[in-house]
Structure formats: C-alpha cells, structure tokens
C-alpha cells in the first residue's frame, strides 16, 4: 500500500472531462487507469459490465475530473456515485437520492 501511495504521489495527473469522451484524453491515460476505471466509464458498447467499487470510482473522480466538475457536481458525479456510464441517464430512488446529494 505504501509503495502504491508513493508512486501515485510522484505522478502529476492531467484532469479530464468526465462528461464527454475524448479519444485524445483517453489515449493519454495509463494502462492500469484504463483497465481499472475508464474502460467501464467510457465503454458504450458494454452495458452489462460491472462497475468498479464505489471507493475506486470516487478516487478516480476526485483525482482525474476537471475542477469544475468537482466544485459544481453535475451528471458525471451522479453517474460515478450510481455506478453507471458517463452518458447514461439515472432513474429510481437511488437517482433521486444522489441528485439531492449533489
């Protein structure tokens, strides 16, 4: 765990938009980041894939999302919390609860 923390603290993260897909920004991501989170987040072909755990989704959101999306939470924050893809529309009681939270 300490080694992972040291490695991540040495990296400078580029902030990307969680609201829109950009192949340029996606291709700049590391292989582990793509596999752990962003392949799920941006993969519009696979609706059946399980989302990463909430802790991991929130870590990527707060460490990689643009500051505007963090300071003024919008649909991308709601989708991260609900575990649905960036372009999906939420529904149901969980959606209402998350909307009130944000």
Protein backbone atom coordinates (compact mmCIF):
# COMPACT_ATOMS: atom_id res chain seq x y z
CA UNK A 1 0.00 0.00 0.00
CA UNK A 2 2.79 2.45 0.92
CA UNK A 3 4.57 1.75 -2.37
CA UNK A 4 1.34 2.46 -4.32
CA UNK A 5 0.86 5.71 -2.40
CA UNK A 6 4.42 6.82 -3.09
CA UNK A 7 4.11 6.00 -6.79
CA UNK A 8 0.80 7.84 -7.12
CA UNK A 9 2.13 10.89 -5.25
CA UNK A 10 5.00 11.14 -7.74
CA UNK A 11 2.63 11.32 -10.68
CA UNK A 12 1.06 14.51 -11.94
CA UNK A 13 -2.47 13.76 -13.06
CA UNK A 14 -3.98 15.54 -16.04
CA UNK A 15 -7.58 16.41 -15.35
CA UNK A 16 -10.08 15.24 -17.94
CA UNK A 17 -13.75 15.82 -18.59
CA UNK A 18 -15.93 13.07 -17.18
CA UNK A 19 -18.93 14.43 -19.15
CA UNK A 20 -17.63 13.79 -22.65
CA UNK A 21 -15.48 11.15 -24.30
CA UNK A 22 -12.27 12.29 -25.91
CA UNK A 23 -10.09 9.70 -27.63
CA UNK A 24 -7.12 12.04 -27.27
CA UNK A 25 -7.54 12.25 -23.48
CA UNK A 26 -8.37 8.52 -23.24
CA UNK A 27 -5.18 7.58 -25.09
CA UNK A 28 -3.10 9.65 -22.63
CA UNK A 29 -4.33 7.53 -19.71
CA UNK A 30 -2.14 4.82 -18.25
CA UNK A 31 -2.94 1.17 -18.96
CA UNK A 32 -3.93 0.49 -15.33
CA UNK A 33 -6.24 3.51 -15.24
CA UNK A 34 -7.97 2.38 -18.40
CA UNK A 35 -8.43 -1.14 -17.10
CA UNK A 36 -9.46 -0.20 -13.54
CA UNK A 37 -11.98 2.50 -14.34
CA UNK A 38 -12.08 4.25 -17.69
CA UNK A 39 -12.86 1.25 -19.89
CA UNK A 40 -16.02 0.82 -17.82
CA UNK A 41 -16.79 4.56 -17.74
CA UNK A 42 -16.46 5.25 -21.46
CA UNK A 43 -17.40 1.84 -22.94
CA UNK A 44 -20.79 2.49 -24.50
CA UNK A 45 -20.92 -0.98 -26.10
CA UNK A 46 -20.94 -2.95 -22.87
CA UNK A 47 -23.91 -2.15 -20.67
CA UNK A 48 -23.59 -5.39 -18.71
CA UNK A 49 -20.09 -4.87 -17.29
CA UNK A 50 -19.95 -4.49 -13.54
CA UNK A 51 -18.87 -1.08 -12.26
CA UNK A 52 -15.71 -0.75 -10.19
CA UNK A 53 -16.27 -0.42 -6.42
CA UNK A 54 -17.58 2.97 -5.23
CA UNK A 55 -14.30 3.80 -3.47
CA UNK A 56 -12.34 3.34 -6.71
CA UNK A 57 -14.91 5.33 -8.74
CA UNK A 58 -14.76 8.22 -6.28
CA UNK A 59 -10.94 8.12 -6.19
CA UNK A 60 -10.76 8.47 -9.97
CA UNK A 61 -13.41 11.18 -9.99
CA UNK A 62 -11.71 13.35 -7.37
CA UNK A 63 -8.22 12.78 -8.77
CA UNK A 64 -8.91 12.98 -12.50
CA UNK A 65 -12.09 15.01 -13.13
CA UNK A 66 -11.83 18.65 -14.13
CA UNK A 67 -12.11 21.05 -11.18
CA UNK A 68 -15.39 22.48 -12.47
CA UNK A 69 -16.99 19.02 -12.27
CA UNK A 70 -15.79 18.57 -8.70
CA UNK A 71 -16.74 22.03 -7.42
CA UNK A 72 -20.10 22.07 -9.24
CA UNK A 73 -21.23 18.43 -9.25
CA UNK A 74 -23.38 17.52 -12.22
CA UNK A 75 -24.45 14.39 -14.10
CA UNK A 76 -20.92 12.97 -14.19
CA UNK A 77 -20.73 12.98 -10.37
CA UNK A 78 -24.20 11.42 -10.13
CA UNK A 79 -23.25 8.68 -12.58
CA UNK A 80 -19.98 7.94 -10.76
CA UNK A 81 -21.86 7.53 -7.47
CA UNK A 82 -24.58 5.38 -9.06
CA UNK A 83 -22.07 3.22 -10.94
CA UNK A 84 -23.47 3.91 -14.39
CA UNK A 85 -21.66 5.02 -17.53
CA UNK A 86 -20.86 8.65 -18.33
CA UNK A 87 -23.67 9.03 -20.87
CA UNK A 88 -26.39 7.04 -19.06
CA UNK A 89 -29.49 8.57 -17.53
CA UNK A 90 -30.18 7.63 -13.92
CA UNK A 91 -33.59 6.65 -12.60
CA UNK A 92 -35.29 5.39 -9.48
CA UNK A 93 -34.89 6.13 -5.80
CA UNK A 94 -31.08 5.94 -5.88
CA UNK A 95 -31.05 8.56 -8.64
CA UNK A 96 -33.29 10.91 -6.63
CA UNK A 97 -31.11 10.47 -3.53
CA UNK A 98 -27.91 11.16 -5.46
CA UNK A 99 -29.47 14.17 -7.19
CA UNK A 100 -30.37 15.63 -3.78
CA UNK A 101 -26.83 14.89 -2.52
CA UNK A 102 -25.20 16.71 -5.39
